[in-house]
Protein backbone atom coordinates (compact mmCIF):
# COMPACT_ATOMS: atom_id res chain seq x y z
CA MET A 1 -2.15 -12.42 3.35
CA LEU A 2 -0.45 -14.17 0.24
CA THR A 3 2.76 -16.73 -0.53
CA VAL A 4 4.72 -15.94 -3.51
CA ILE A 5 6.31 -19.10 -5.56
CA ALA A 6 9.47 -18.95 -7.76
CA THR A 7 11.25 -21.97 -9.37
CA ASP A 8 15.08 -22.59 -10.38
CA SER A 9 15.62 -25.51 -12.24
CA ASP A 10 19.14 -26.06 -10.98
CA SER A 11 19.89 -28.78 -8.65
CA GLY A 12 20.89 -28.75 -5.01
CA ASN A 13 21.73 -25.24 -3.69
CA ASN A 14 21.50 -23.29 -6.75
CA GLY A 15 18.16 -24.52 -7.12
CA THR A 16 16.50 -23.61 -3.69
CA LEU A 17 15.73 -20.10 -3.37
CA ILE A 18 15.46 -18.08 -0.61
CA TYR A 19 12.87 -14.75 -0.53
CA SER A 20 13.20 -11.34 0.77
CA LEU A 21 11.95 -7.83 0.84
CA GLN A 22 13.32 -4.68 -0.41
CA ASP A 23 12.23 -1.10 0.42
CA VAL A 24 9.50 -2.79 2.72
CA PRO A 25 7.01 0.28 4.04
CA ARG A 26 7.40 1.67 7.48
CA HIS A 27 4.87 2.57 10.03
CA SER A 28 6.75 4.37 13.30
CA GLY A 29 10.23 2.84 12.49
CA MET A 30 8.99 -0.45 12.01
CA PRO A 31 8.44 -2.59 8.98
CA MET A 32 5.04 -3.11 8.13
CA PHE A 33 5.31 -6.62 6.12
CA ALA A 34 7.58 -9.40 6.48
CA ILE A 35 8.37 -12.89 4.32
CA ASP A 36 9.17 -16.03 5.38
CA PRO A 37 12.61 -16.43 3.81
CA HIS A 38 11.79 -20.19 3.10
CA ASN A 39 8.19 -19.91 1.99
CA GLY A 40 7.62 -16.72 0.74
CA LEU A 41 4.94 -16.08 2.98
CA ILE A 42 3.91 -12.57 2.87
CA THR A 43 2.78 -11.10 6.06
CA THR A 44 1.70 -7.48 8.20
CA VAL A 45 4.33 -7.33 11.42
CA GLN A 46 2.00 -4.90 13.21
CA SER A 47 -1.73 -4.86 13.40
CA ASN A 48 -3.87 -2.30 12.60
CA VAL A 49 -1.86 0.25 11.27
CA LEU A 50 -3.52 -1.25 7.64
CA ASP A 51 -5.59 1.87 6.85
CA ARG A 52 -6.96 2.57 3.91
CA GLU A 53 -8.04 5.99 4.46
CA LEU A 54 -4.65 6.99 5.10
CA THR A 55 -2.81 4.48 2.29
CA SER A 56 -4.96 2.66 -0.19
CA GLU A 57 -1.86 0.63 -1.93
CA TYR A 58 1.51 -0.53 -0.89
CA GLN A 59 4.00 -1.99 -3.36
CA LEU A 60 6.52 -4.60 -1.98
CA THR A 61 9.42 -5.65 -4.29
CA VAL A 62 10.34 -9.33 -3.36
CA VAL A 63 13.49 -10.87 -4.18
CA ALA A 64 14.16 -14.41 -4.90
CA THR A 65 17.80 -15.82 -4.74
CA ASP A 66 19.43 -18.83 -4.88
CA ARG A 67 21.44 -20.43 -2.35
CA GLY A 68 24.38 -21.30 -4.65
CA ARG A 69 27.96 -20.40 -3.28
CA PRO A 70 29.00 -17.93 -3.48
CA ARG A 71 25.56 -16.04 -3.42
CA MET A 72 25.48 -13.64 -6.63
CA SER A 73 23.24 -10.98 -7.03
CA GLY A 74 22.58 -9.01 -10.66
CA ALA A 75 19.39 -9.92 -13.12
CA PHE A 76 20.99 -13.29 -13.99
CA PHE A 77 21.12 -14.52 -9.90
CA SER A 78 18.42 -13.27 -8.75
CA LEU A 79 14.47 -12.30 -9.52
CA ASN A 80 12.79 -9.27 -8.33
CA PHE A 81 9.10 -8.62 -8.51
CA LEU A 82 6.29 -6.28 -7.83
CA ILE A 83 3.33 -6.69 -5.85
CA PHE A 84 0.35 -4.22 -5.42
CA VAL A 85 -1.33 -4.09 -1.85
CA VAL A 86 -4.32 -2.62 -2.61
CA PHE A 87 -7.59 -1.66 -0.21
CA VAL A 88 -11.04 -2.06 -1.38
CA TYR A 89 -13.33 0.15 0.82
CA MET A 90 -16.12 -1.88 2.83
CA HIS A 91 -18.44 0.16 4.71
CA THR A 92 -17.20 0.02 8.74
CA GLN A 93 -20.82 0.61 9.48
CA PHE A 94 -23.67 -1.39 8.59
CA PRO A 95 -27.31 0.23 7.00
CA CYS A 96 -29.93 -0.23 9.63
CA PHE A 97 -33.67 -0.16 7.98
CA GLN A 98 -36.55 0.48 10.40
CA HIS A 99 -39.68 -0.96 9.16
């Protein structure tokens, strides 16, 4: 679906980031989106659950945290940013013209 990228100017584990999602929207108890913790690739988990007629947009919160020891949390050690997934309406039936 899309890849997020964050950078950290520290060296070693302090400069290596891992990604996670907070408050992931769910369908039938299962998360609808996932993120690869190493490369930031966001994908849908379940096929055929995204329906613009039911929900036209989703808000995802991505957290990028460095791998320093101990892992810190808070404004100075992790980065949170929002992603809005907006569906554009596309006709599912194509017009038919008769001559």
